[in-house]
Structures are given as structure tokens and as C-alpha cells.
């Protein structure tokens, strides 16, 4: 999920403002980006499914619980505190 978020933001929010570096995929970059994001979403869902049936407390895959709990904690932290003081990374490159 952490690898897919920058790709997702690149193909959505930063699509018009992104300056490609010396190595890029040209006009295929957005297509490859979407394929990568969809792949990560697919495997995230598949890897979160239970591995045996019937599902009991011993056979339940707790990955969705852990990821969902972490997501709620991070989102709550951002809304309550971090959005007021976090400014992002400092750019130290000139021009």
C-alpha cells in the first residue's frame, strides 16, 4: 500500500504538474501507473482473505484488522494534530 500511494498521487493529483526525470516511460507512464495501482489493490484484497474455511478466531486473517486499525489511528492523528504543524519535506535543491 505504501508503494502504491505515491504512484496513485502521481497519476491523479500531480498529473499536470509532475516534471519527469531523465528516466521515464513517456506517454505510457500514466497507463503503467494505473496498472500498478490496480495490481496493488487486487493483491491487497486477495492477501487479506482468509486462507481456510470455515473462518474461526484461529483461522481468521487479521491483516484487514491491523491495516484498518492503523489507518484509523493515522487519520485520527492527522485530523486532530498533525495537519496543524506538519509542513512536509523541506526542499534543499536550487532550481
PDB file of N, CA and C in Angstrom:
ATOM      1  N   UNK A   1       0.836  -1.186   0.000  1.00  0.00           N
ATOM      2  CA  UNK A   1       0.000   0.000   0.000  1.00  0.00           C
ATOM      3  C   UNK A   1       0.878   1.245   0.000  1.00  0.00           C
ATOM      4  N   UNK A   2       1.965   1.219   0.747  1.00  0.00           N
ATOM      5  CA  UNK A   2       2.857   2.378   0.817  1.00  0.00           C
ATOM      6  C   UNK A   2       3.525   2.646  -0.532  1.00  0.00           C
ATOM      7  N   UNK A   3       3.779   1.634  -1.307  1.00  0.00           N
ATOM      8  CA  UNK A   3       4.371   1.821  -2.625  1.00  0.00           C
ATOM      9  C   UNK A   3       3.340   2.355  -3.618  1.00  0.00           C
ATOM     10  N   UNK A   4       2.088   1.983  -3.464  1.00  0.00           N
ATOM     11  CA  UNK A   4       1.060   2.380  -4.422  1.00  0.00           C
ATOM     12  C   UNK A   4       0.577   3.809  -4.212  1.00  0.00           C
ATOM     13  N   UNK A   5       0.647   4.322  -2.997  1.00  0.00           N
ATOM     14  CA  UNK A   5       0.148   5.678  -2.750  1.00  0.00           C
ATOM     15  C   UNK A   5       0.878   6.754  -3.557  1.00  0.00           C
ATOM     16  N   UNK A   6       2.209   6.779  -3.603  1.00  0.00           N
ATOM     17  CA  UNK A   6       2.866   7.795  -4.443  1.00  0.00           C
ATOM     18  C   UNK A   6       2.530   7.645  -5.924  1.00  0.00           C
ATOM     19  N   UNK A   7       2.398   6.407  -6.388  1.00  0.00           N
ATOM     20  CA  UNK A   7       2.033   6.189  -7.787  1.00  0.00           C
ATOM     21  C   UNK A   7       0.626   6.703  -8.039  1.00  0.00           C
ATOM     22  N   UNK A   8      -0.293   6.407  -7.116  1.00  0.00           N
ATOM     23  CA  UNK A   8      -1.671   6.880  -7.253  1.00  0.00           C
ATOM     24  C   UNK A   8      -1.730   8.408  -7.287  1.00  0.00           C
ATOM     25  N   UNK A   9      -0.985   9.056  -6.392  1.00  0.00           N
ATOM     26  CA  UNK A   9      -0.985  10.525  -6.380  1.00  0.00           C
ATOM     27  C   UNK A   9      -0.335  11.086  -7.637  1.00  0.00           C
ATOM     28  N   UNK A  10       0.645  10.385  -8.177  1.00  0.00           N
ATOM     29  CA  UNK A  10       1.298  10.831  -9.414  1.00  0.00           C
ATOM     30  C   UNK A  10       0.334  10.791 -10.599  1.00  0.00           C
ATOM     31  N   UNK A  11      -0.472   9.741 -10.708  1.00  0.00           N
ATOM     32  CA  UNK A  11      -1.370   9.601 -11.859  1.00  0.00           C
ATOM     33  C   UNK A  11      -2.689  10.343 -11.665  1.00  0.00           C
ATOM     34  N   UNK A  12      -2.921  10.893 -10.488  1.00  0.00           N
ATOM     35  CA  UNK A  12      -4.162  11.642 -10.274  1.00  0.00           C
ATOM     36  C   UNK A  12      -3.870  13.111  -9.973  1.00  0.00           C
ATOM     37  N   UNK A  13      -3.431  13.409  -8.777  1.00  0.00           N
ATOM     38  CA  UNK A  13      -3.278  14.797  -8.348  1.00  0.00           C
ATOM     39  C   UNK A  13      -2.130  15.520  -9.044  1.00  0.00           C
ATOM     40  N   UNK A  14      -1.019  14.855  -9.281  1.00  0.00           N
ATOM     41  CA  UNK A  14       0.172  15.514  -9.825  1.00  0.00           C
ATOM     42  C   UNK A  14       0.313  15.329 -11.332  1.00  0.00           C
ATOM     43  N   UNK A  15      -0.727  14.894 -11.989  1.00  0.00           N
ATOM     44  CA  UNK A  15      -0.630  14.574 -13.415  1.00  0.00           C
ATOM     45  C   UNK A  15      -0.209  15.774 -14.266  1.00  0.00           C
ATOM     46  N   UNK A  16      -0.699  16.947 -13.964  1.00  0.00           N
ATOM     47  CA  UNK A  16      -0.393  18.147 -14.759  1.00  0.00           C
ATOM     48  C   UNK A  16       0.905  18.824 -14.323  1.00  0.00           C
ATOM     49  N   UNK A  17       1.302  18.672 -13.065  1.00  0.00           N
ATOM     50  CA  UNK A  17       2.433  19.414 -12.528  1.00  0.00           C
ATOM     51  C   UNK A  17       3.701  18.591 -12.390  1.00  0.00           C
ATOM     52  N   UNK A  18       3.629  17.304 -12.658  1.00  0.00           N
ATOM     53  CA  UNK A  18       4.777  16.417 -12.468  1.00  0.00           C
ATOM     54  C   UNK A  18       5.822  16.677 -13.547  1.00  0.00           C
ATOM     55  N   UNK A  19       7.068  16.861 -13.122  1.00  0.00           N
ATOM     56  CA  UNK A  19       8.182  17.045 -14.050  1.00  0.00           C
ATOM     57  C   UNK A  19       8.951  15.731 -14.116  1.00  0.00           C
ATOM     58  N   UNK A  20       8.923  15.024 -15.257  1.00  0.00           N
ATOM     59  CA  UNK A  20       9.612  13.740 -15.345  1.00  0.00           C
ATOM     60  C   UNK A  20      11.126  13.898 -15.285  1.00  0.00           C
ATOM     61  N   UNK A  21      11.767  12.904 -14.734  1.00  0.00           N
ATOM     62  CA  UNK A  21      13.225  12.893 -14.644  1.00  0.00           C
ATOM     63  C   UNK A  21      13.829  12.340 -15.925  1.00  0.00           C
ATOM     64  N   UNK A  22      15.138  12.066 -15.891  1.00  0.00           N
ATOM     65  CA  UNK A  22      15.813  11.584 -17.095  1.00  0.00           C
ATOM     66  C   UNK A  22      15.335  10.197 -17.541  1.00  0.00           C
ATOM     67  N   UNK A  23      14.895   9.380 -16.611  1.00  0.00           N
ATOM     68  CA  UNK A  23      14.330   8.078 -16.963  1.00  0.00           C
ATOM     69  C   UNK A  23      12.839   8.127 -16.721  1.00  0.00           C
ATOM     70  N   UNK A  24      12.066   7.973 -17.764  1.00  0.00           N
ATOM     71  CA  UNK A  24      10.613   7.944 -17.614  1.00  0.00           C
ATOM     72  C   UNK A  24      10.019   7.071 -18.705  1.00  0.00           C
ATOM     73  N   UNK A  25       8.772   6.769 -18.577  1.00  0.00           N
ATOM     74  CA  UNK A  25       8.091   5.890 -19.525  1.00  0.00           C
ATOM     75  C   UNK A  25       7.356   6.659 -20.618  1.00  0.00           C
ATOM     76  N   UNK A  26       7.565   7.954 -20.649  1.00  0.00           N
ATOM     77  CA  UNK A  26       6.926   8.762 -21.684  1.00  0.00           C
ATOM     78  C   UNK A  26       5.413   8.737 -21.568  1.00  0.00           C
ATOM     79  N   UNK A  27       4.759   8.567 -22.697  1.00  0.00           N
ATOM     80  CA  UNK A  27       3.287   8.587 -22.685  1.00  0.00           C
ATOM     81  C   UNK A  27       2.680   7.357 -22.038  1.00  0.00           C
ATOM     82  N   UNK A  28       3.484   6.317 -21.811  1.00  0.00           N
ATOM     83  CA  UNK A  28       2.980   5.106 -21.165  1.00  0.00           C
ATOM     84  C   UNK A  28       3.051   5.165 -19.642  1.00  0.00           C
ATOM     85  N   UNK A  29       3.644   6.218 -19.106  1.00  0.00           N
ATOM     86  CA  UNK A  29       3.827   6.318 -17.665  1.00  0.00           C
ATOM     87  C   UNK A  29       2.530   6.287 -16.879  1.00  0.00           C
ATOM     88  N   UNK A  30       1.531   7.005 -17.359  1.00  0.00           N
ATOM     89  CA  UNK A  30       0.239   7.039 -16.657  1.00  0.00           C
ATOM     90  C   UNK A  30      -0.449   5.680 -16.736  1.00  0.00           C
ATOM     91  N   UNK A  31      -0.402   5.054 -17.899  1.00  0.00           N
ATOM     92  CA  UNK A  31      -1.008   3.725 -18.051  1.00  0.00           C
ATOM     93  C   UNK A  31      -0.338   2.709 -17.130  1.00  0.00           C
ATOM     94  N   UNK A  32       0.977   2.693 -17.116  1.00  0.00           N
ATOM     95  CA  UNK A  32       1.717   1.769 -16.247  1.00  0.00           C
ATOM     96  C   UNK A  32       1.429   2.086 -14.778  1.00  0.00           C
ATOM     97  N   UNK A  33       1.303   3.370 -14.451  1.00  0.00           N
ATOM     98  CA  UNK A  33       0.964   3.763 -13.086  1.00  0.00           C
ATOM     99  C   UNK A  33      -0.381   3.216 -12.650  1.00  0.00           C
ATOM    100  N   UNK A  34      -1.378   3.336 -13.520  1.00  0.00           N
ATOM    101  CA  UNK A  34      -2.712   2.808 -13.187  1.00  0.00           C
ATOM    102  C   UNK A  34      -2.691   1.289 -13.049  1.00  0.00           C
ATOM    103  N   UNK A  35      -1.956   0.631 -13.931  1.00  0.00           N
ATOM    104  CA  UNK A  35      -1.842  -0.837 -13.829  1.00  0.00           C
ATOM    105  C   UNK A  35      -1.204  -1.212 -12.497  1.00  0.00           C
ATOM    106  N   UNK A  36      -0.172  -0.496 -12.093  1.00  0.00           N
ATOM    107  CA  UNK A  36       0.500  -0.777 -10.817  1.00  0.00           C
ATOM    108  C   UNK A  36      -0.446  -0.568  -9.634  1.00  0.00           C
ATOM    109  N   UNK A  37      -1.197   0.515  -9.648  1.00  0.00           N
ATOM    110  CA  UNK A  37      -2.138   0.788  -8.548  1.00  0.00           C
ATOM    111  C   UNK A  37      -3.217  -0.284  -8.496  1.00  0.00           C
ATOM    112  N   UNK A  38      -3.778  -0.648  -9.642  1.00  0.00           N
ATOM    113  CA  UNK A  38      -4.820  -1.688  -9.661  1.00  0.00           C
ATOM    114  C   UNK A  38      -4.266  -3.038  -9.215  1.00  0.00           C
ATOM    115  N   UNK A  39      -3.032  -3.336  -9.574  1.00  0.00           N
ATOM    116  CA  UNK A  39      -2.406  -4.589  -9.139  1.00  0.00           C
ATOM    117  C   UNK A  39      -2.253  -4.626  -7.619  1.00  0.00           C
ATOM    118  N   UNK A  40      -1.783  -3.536  -7.031  1.00  0.00           N
ATOM    119  CA  UNK A  40      -1.597  -3.487  -5.581  1.00  0.00           C
ATOM    120  C   UNK A  40      -2.942  -3.605  -4.873  1.00  0.00           C
ATOM    121  N   UNK A  41      -3.972  -2.955  -5.401  1.00  0.00           N
ATOM    122  CA  UNK A  41      -5.315  -3.077  -4.804  1.00  0.00           C
ATOM    123  C   UNK A  41      -5.784  -4.530  -4.872  1.00  0.00           C
ATOM    124  N   UNK A  42      -5.581  -5.169  -6.026  1.00  0.00           N
ATOM    125  CA  UNK A  42      -6.017  -6.561  -6.188  1.00  0.00           C
ATOM    126  C   UNK A  42      -5.296  -7.497  -5.228  1.00  0.00           C
ATOM    127  N   UNK A  43      -3.971  -7.407  -5.163  1.00  0.00           N
ATOM    128  CA  UNK A  43      -3.257  -8.337  -4.277  1.00  0.00           C
ATOM    129  C   UNK A  43      -3.488  -8.013  -2.808  1.00  0.00           C
ATOM    130  N   UNK A  44      -3.765  -6.743  -2.498  1.00  0.00           N
ATOM    131  CA  UNK A  44      -4.080  -6.402  -1.110  1.00  0.00           C
ATOM    132  C   UNK A  44      -5.370  -7.080  -0.683  1.00  0.00           C
ATOM    133  N   UNK A  45      -6.367  -7.060  -1.558  1.00  0.00           N
ATOM    134  CA  UNK A  45      -7.637  -7.735  -1.240  1.00  0.00           C
ATOM    135  C   UNK A  45      -7.427  -9.240  -1.160  1.00  0.00           C
ATOM    136  N   UNK A  46      -6.721  -9.807  -2.137  1.00  0.00           N
ATOM    137  CA  UNK A  46      -6.525 -11.260  -2.144  1.00  0.00           C
ATOM    138  C   UNK A  46      -5.731 -11.745  -0.937  1.00  0.00           C
ATOM    139  N   UNK A  47      -4.698 -11.005  -0.557  1.00  0.00           N
ATOM    140  CA  UNK A  47      -3.892 -11.415   0.592  1.00  0.00           C
ATOM    141  C   UNK A  47      -4.601 -11.190   1.925  1.00  0.00           C
ATOM    142  N   UNK A  48      -5.684 -10.445   1.912  1.00  0.00           N
ATOM    143  CA  UNK A  48      -6.435 -10.204   3.139  1.00  0.00           C
ATOM    144  C   UNK A  48      -7.546 -11.234   3.361  1.00  0.00           C
ATOM    145  N   UNK A  49      -7.804 -12.060   2.386  1.00  0.00           N
ATOM    146  CA  UNK A  49      -8.856 -13.066   2.525  1.00  0.00           C
ATOM    147  C   UNK A  49      -8.404 -14.189   3.458  1.00  0.00           C
ATOM    148  N   UNK A  50      -9.347 -14.844   4.106  1.00  0.00           N
ATOM    149  CA  UNK A  50      -8.982 -15.973   4.963  1.00  0.00           C
ATOM    150  C   UNK A  50      -8.424 -17.126   4.125  1.00  0.00           C
ATOM    151  N   UNK A  51      -7.527 -17.902   4.722  1.00  0.00           N
ATOM    152  CA  UNK A  51      -6.885 -18.984   3.978  1.00  0.00           C
ATOM    153  C   UNK A  51      -7.603 -20.316   4.132  1.00  0.00           C
ATOM    154  N   UNK A  52      -8.439 -20.450   5.129  1.00  0.00           N
ATOM    155  CA  UNK A  52      -9.189 -21.694   5.316  1.00  0.00           C
ATOM    156  C   UNK A  52     -10.632 -21.365   5.663  1.00  0.00           C
ATOM    157  N   UNK A  53     -11.490 -22.324   5.406  1.00  0.00           N
ATOM    158  CA  UNK A  53     -12.903 -22.206   5.768  1.00  0.00           C
ATOM    159  C   UNK A  53     -13.269 -23.409   6.604  1.00  0.00           C
ATOM    160  N   UNK A  54     -14.137 -23.326   7.556  1.00  0.00           N
ATOM    161  CA  UNK A  54     -14.852 -22.123   7.979  1.00  0.00           C
ATOM    162  C   UNK A  54     -13.920 -21.180   8.741  1.00  0.00           C
ATOM    163  N   UNK A  55     -14.269 -19.931   8.720  1.00  0.00           N
ATOM    164  CA  UNK A  55     -13.458 -18.916   9.392  1.00  0.00           C
ATOM    165  C   UNK A  55     -13.803 -18.914  10.875  1.00  0.00           C
ATOM    166  N   UNK A  56     -12.784 -19.135  11.682  1.00  0.00           N
ATOM    167  CA  UNK A  56     -12.937 -19.063  13.133  1.00  0.00           C
ATOM    168  C   UNK A  56     -11.935 -18.052  13.667  1.00  0.00           C
ATOM    169  N   UNK A  57     -11.921 -17.858  14.956  1.00  0.00           N
ATOM    170  CA  UNK A  57     -10.956 -16.910  15.524  1.00  0.00           C
ATOM    171  C   UNK A  57      -9.519 -17.367  15.322  1.00  0.00           C
ATOM    172  N   UNK A  58      -9.307 -18.655  15.153  1.00  0.00           N
ATOM    173  CA  UNK A  58      -7.957 -19.178  14.934  1.00  0.00           C
ATOM    174  C   UNK A  58      -7.526 -19.114  13.473  1.00  0.00           C
ATOM    175  N   UNK A  59      -8.480 -19.149  12.534  1.00  0.00           N
ATOM    176  CA  UNK A  59      -8.136 -19.147  11.107  1.00  0.00           C
ATOM    177  C   UNK A  59      -8.372 -17.795  10.438  1.00  0.00           C
ATOM    178  N   UNK A  60      -8.853 -16.826  11.182  1.00  0.00           N
ATOM    179  CA  UNK A  60      -9.111 -15.506  10.607  1.00  0.00           C
ATOM    180  C   UNK A  60      -7.796 -14.820  10.266  1.00  0.00           C
ATOM    181  N   UNK A  61      -7.739 -14.204   9.095  1.00  0.00           N
ATOM    182  CA  UNK A  61      -6.581 -13.417   8.697  1.00  0.00           C
ATOM    183  C   UNK A  61      -6.765 -12.019   9.297  1.00  0.00           C
ATOM    184  N   UNK A  62      -5.902 -11.653  10.214  1.00  0.00           N
ATOM    185  CA  UNK A  62      -6.061 -10.385  10.932  1.00  0.00           C
ATOM    186  C   UNK A  62      -5.414  -9.197  10.211  1.00  0.00           C
ATOM    187  N   UNK A  63      -4.964  -9.394   8.989  1.00  0.00           N
ATOM    188  CA  UNK A  63      -4.373  -8.294   8.221  1.00  0.00           C
ATOM    189  C   UNK A  63      -5.338  -7.134   8.023  1.00  0.00           C
ATOM    190  N   UNK A  64      -6.590  -7.363   7.600  1.00  0.00           N
ATOM    191  CA  UNK A  64      -7.508  -6.227   7.438  1.00  0.00           C
ATOM    192  C   UNK A  64      -7.755  -5.482   8.751  1.00  0.00           C
ATOM    193  N   UNK A  65      -7.772  -6.201   9.838  1.00  0.00           N
ATOM    194  CA  UNK A  65      -7.980  -5.569  11.137  1.00  0.00           C
ATOM    195  C   UNK A  65      -6.792  -4.669  11.471  1.00  0.00           C
ATOM    196  N   UNK A  66      -5.587  -5.176  11.248  1.00  0.00           N
ATOM    197  CA  UNK A  66      -4.381  -4.393  11.541  1.00  0.00           C
ATOM    198  C   UNK A  66      -4.263  -3.182  10.625  1.00  0.00           C
ATOM    199  N   UNK A  67      -4.460  -3.372   9.326  1.00  0.00           N
ATOM    200  CA  UNK A  67      -4.360  -2.258   8.376  1.00  0.00           C
ATOM    201  C   UNK A  67      -5.467  -1.237   8.630  1.00  0.00           C
ATOM    202  N   UNK A  68      -6.674  -1.701   8.857  1.00  0.00           N
ATOM    203  CA  UNK A  68      -7.786  -0.789   9.141  1.00  0.00           C
ATOM    204  C   UNK A  68      -7.582  -0.028  10.442  1.00  0.00           C
ATOM    205  N   UNK A  69      -7.101  -0.715  11.471  1.00  0.00           N
ATOM    206  CA  UNK A  69      -6.832  -0.038  12.742  1.00  0.00           C
ATOM    207  C   UNK A  69      -5.738   1.004  12.610  1.00  0.00           C
ATOM    208  N   UNK A  70      -4.681   0.672  11.889  1.00  0.00           N
ATOM    209  CA  UNK A  70      -3.604   1.632  11.660  1.00  0.00           C
ATOM    210  C   UNK A  70      -4.106   2.825  10.853  1.00  0.00           C
ATOM    211  N   UNK A  71      -4.915   2.564   9.843  1.00  0.00           N
ATOM    212  CA  UNK A  71      -5.483   3.645   9.033  1.00  0.00           C
ATOM    213  C   UNK A  71      -6.316   4.587   9.889  1.00  0.00           C
ATOM    214  N   UNK A  72      -7.145   4.047  10.756  1.00  0.00           N
ATOM    215  CA  UNK A  72      -7.973   4.882  11.632  1.00  0.00           C
ATOM    216  C   UNK A  72      -7.098   5.699  12.588  1.00  0.00           C
ATOM    217  N   UNK A  73      -6.064   5.079  13.156  1.00  0.00           N
ATOM    218  CA  UNK A  73      -5.158   5.812  14.050  1.00  0.00           C
ATOM    219  C   UNK A  73      -4.432   6.948  13.331  1.00  0.00           C
ATOM    220  N   UNK A  74      -3.913   6.687  12.147  1.00  0.00           N
ATOM    221  CA  UNK A  74      -3.185   7.708  11.399  1.00  0.00           C
ATOM    222  C   UNK A  74      -4.124   8.831  10.973  1.00  0.00           C
ATOM    223  N   UNK A  75      -5.294   8.495  10.479  1.00  0.00           N
ATOM    224  CA  UNK A  75      -6.264   9.506  10.063  1.00  0.00           C
ATOM    225  C   UNK A  75      -6.704  10.363  11.242  1.00  0.00           C
ATOM    226  N   UNK A  76      -6.948   9.750  12.380  1.00  0.00           N
ATOM    227  CA  UNK A  76      -7.328  10.494  13.582  1.00  0.00           C
ATOM    228  C   UNK A  76      -6.197  11.416  14.026  1.00  0.00           C
ATOM    229  N   UNK A  77      -4.978  10.922  14.001  1.00  0.00           N
ATOM    230  CA  UNK A  77      -3.825  11.743  14.365  1.00  0.00           C
ATOM    231  C   UNK A  77      -3.689  12.943  13.432  1.00  0.00           C
ATOM    232  N   UNK A  78      -3.905  12.729  12.146  1.00  0.00           N
ATOM    233  CA  UNK A  78      -3.807  13.825  11.177  1.00  0.00           C
ATOM    234  C   UNK A  78      -4.884  14.876  11.441  1.00  0.00           C
ATOM    235  N   UNK A  79      -6.123  14.443  11.627  1.00  0.00           N
ATOM    236  CA  UNK A  79      -7.235  15.378  11.814  1.00  0.00           C
ATOM    237  C   UNK A  79      -7.088  16.154  13.114  1.00  0.00           C
ATOM    238  N   UNK A  80      -6.679  15.479  14.181  1.00  0.00           N
ATOM    239  CA  UNK A  80      -6.612  16.110  15.486  1.00  0.00           C
ATOM    240  C   UNK A  80      -5.381  17.002  15.634  1.00  0.00           C
ATOM    241  N   UNK A  81      -4.220  16.553  15.144  1.00  0.00           N
ATOM    242  CA  UNK A  81      -2.997  17.271  15.462  1.00  0.00           C
ATOM    243  C   UNK A  81      -2.108  17.608  14.274  1.00  0.00           C
ATOM    244  N   UNK A  82      -1.707  16.624  13.517  1.00  0.00           N
ATOM    245  CA  UNK A  82      -0.616  16.788  12.560  1.00  0.00           C
ATOM    246  C   UNK A  82      -0.909  17.802  11.457  1.00  0.00           C
ATOM    247  N   UNK A  83      -2.149  17.972  11.064  1.00  0.00           N
ATOM    248  CA  UNK A  83      -2.436  18.918   9.975  1.00  0.00           C
ATOM    249  C   UNK A  83      -2.146  20.356  10.376  1.00  0.00           C
ATOM    250  N   UNK A  84      -2.017  20.617  11.684  1.00  0.00           N
ATOM    251  CA  UNK A  84      -1.746  21.973  12.154  1.00  0.00           C
ATOM    252  C   UNK A  84      -0.263  22.303  12.181  1.00  0.00           C
ATOM    253  N   UNK A  85       0.603  21.297  12.288  1.00  0.00           N
ATOM    254  CA  UNK A  85       2.030  21.582  12.409  1.00  0.00           C
ATOM    255  C   UNK A  85       2.906  20.941  11.349  1.00  0.00           C
ATOM    256  N   UNK A  86       2.423  19.901  10.673  1.00  0.00           N
ATOM    257  CA  UNK A  86       3.258  19.231   9.678  1.00  0.00           C
ATOM    258  C   UNK A  86       3.259  20.008   8.366  1.00  0.00           C
ATOM    259  N   UNK A  87       4.455  20.388   7.904  1.00  0.00           N
ATOM    260  CA  UNK A  87       4.594  21.192   6.686  1.00  0.00           C
ATOM    261  C   UNK A  87       5.133  20.392   5.508  1.00  0.00           C
ATOM    262  N   UNK A  88       5.515  19.156   5.711  1.00  0.00           N
ATOM    263  CA  UNK A  88       6.057  18.349   4.626  1.00  0.00           C
ATOM    264  C   UNK A  88       7.556  18.427   4.559  1.00  0.00           C
ATOM    265  N   UNK A  89       8.159  17.739   3.596  1.00  0.00           N
ATOM    266  CA  UNK A  89       9.616  17.759   3.495  1.00  0.00           C
ATOM    267  C   UNK A  89      10.128  19.114   3.003  1.00  0.00           C
ATOM    268  N   UNK A  90      11.315  19.462   3.444  1.00  0.00           N
ATOM    269  CA  UNK A  90      11.942  20.715   3.067  1.00  0.00           C
ATOM    270  C   UNK A  90      12.784  20.469   1.810  1.00  0.00           C
ATOM    271  N   UNK A  91      12.565  21.273   0.790  1.00  0.00           N
ATOM    272  CA  UNK A  91      13.328  21.129  -0.451  1.00  0.00           C
ATOM    273  C   UNK A  91      14.672  21.832  -0.276  1.00  0.00           C
ATOM    274  N   UNK A  92      15.729  21.104  -0.575  1.00  0.00           N
ATOM    275  CA  UNK A  92      17.062  21.699  -0.441  1.00  0.00           C
ATOM    276  C   UNK A  92      17.783  21.751  -1.791  1.00  0.00           C
ATOM    277  N   UNK A  93      17.039  21.655  -2.867  1.00  0.00           N
ATOM    278  CA  UNK A  93      17.603  21.739  -4.209  1.00  0.00           C
ATOM    279  C   UNK A  93      17.297  23.106  -4.791  1.00  0.00           C
ATOM    280  N   UNK A  94      18.269  23.703  -5.416  1.00  0.00           N
ATOM    281  CA  UNK A  94      18.027  25.013  -6.030  1.00  0.00           C
ATOM    282  C   UNK A  94      17.719  24.808  -7.503  1.00  0.00           C
ATOM    283  N   UNK A  95      16.542  25.250  -7.884  1.00  0.00           N
ATOM    284  CA  UNK A  95      16.080  25.338  -9.218  1.00  0.00           C
ATOM    285  C   UNK A  95      16.056  24.276 -10.149  1.00  0.00           C
TER     286      UNK A  95
END
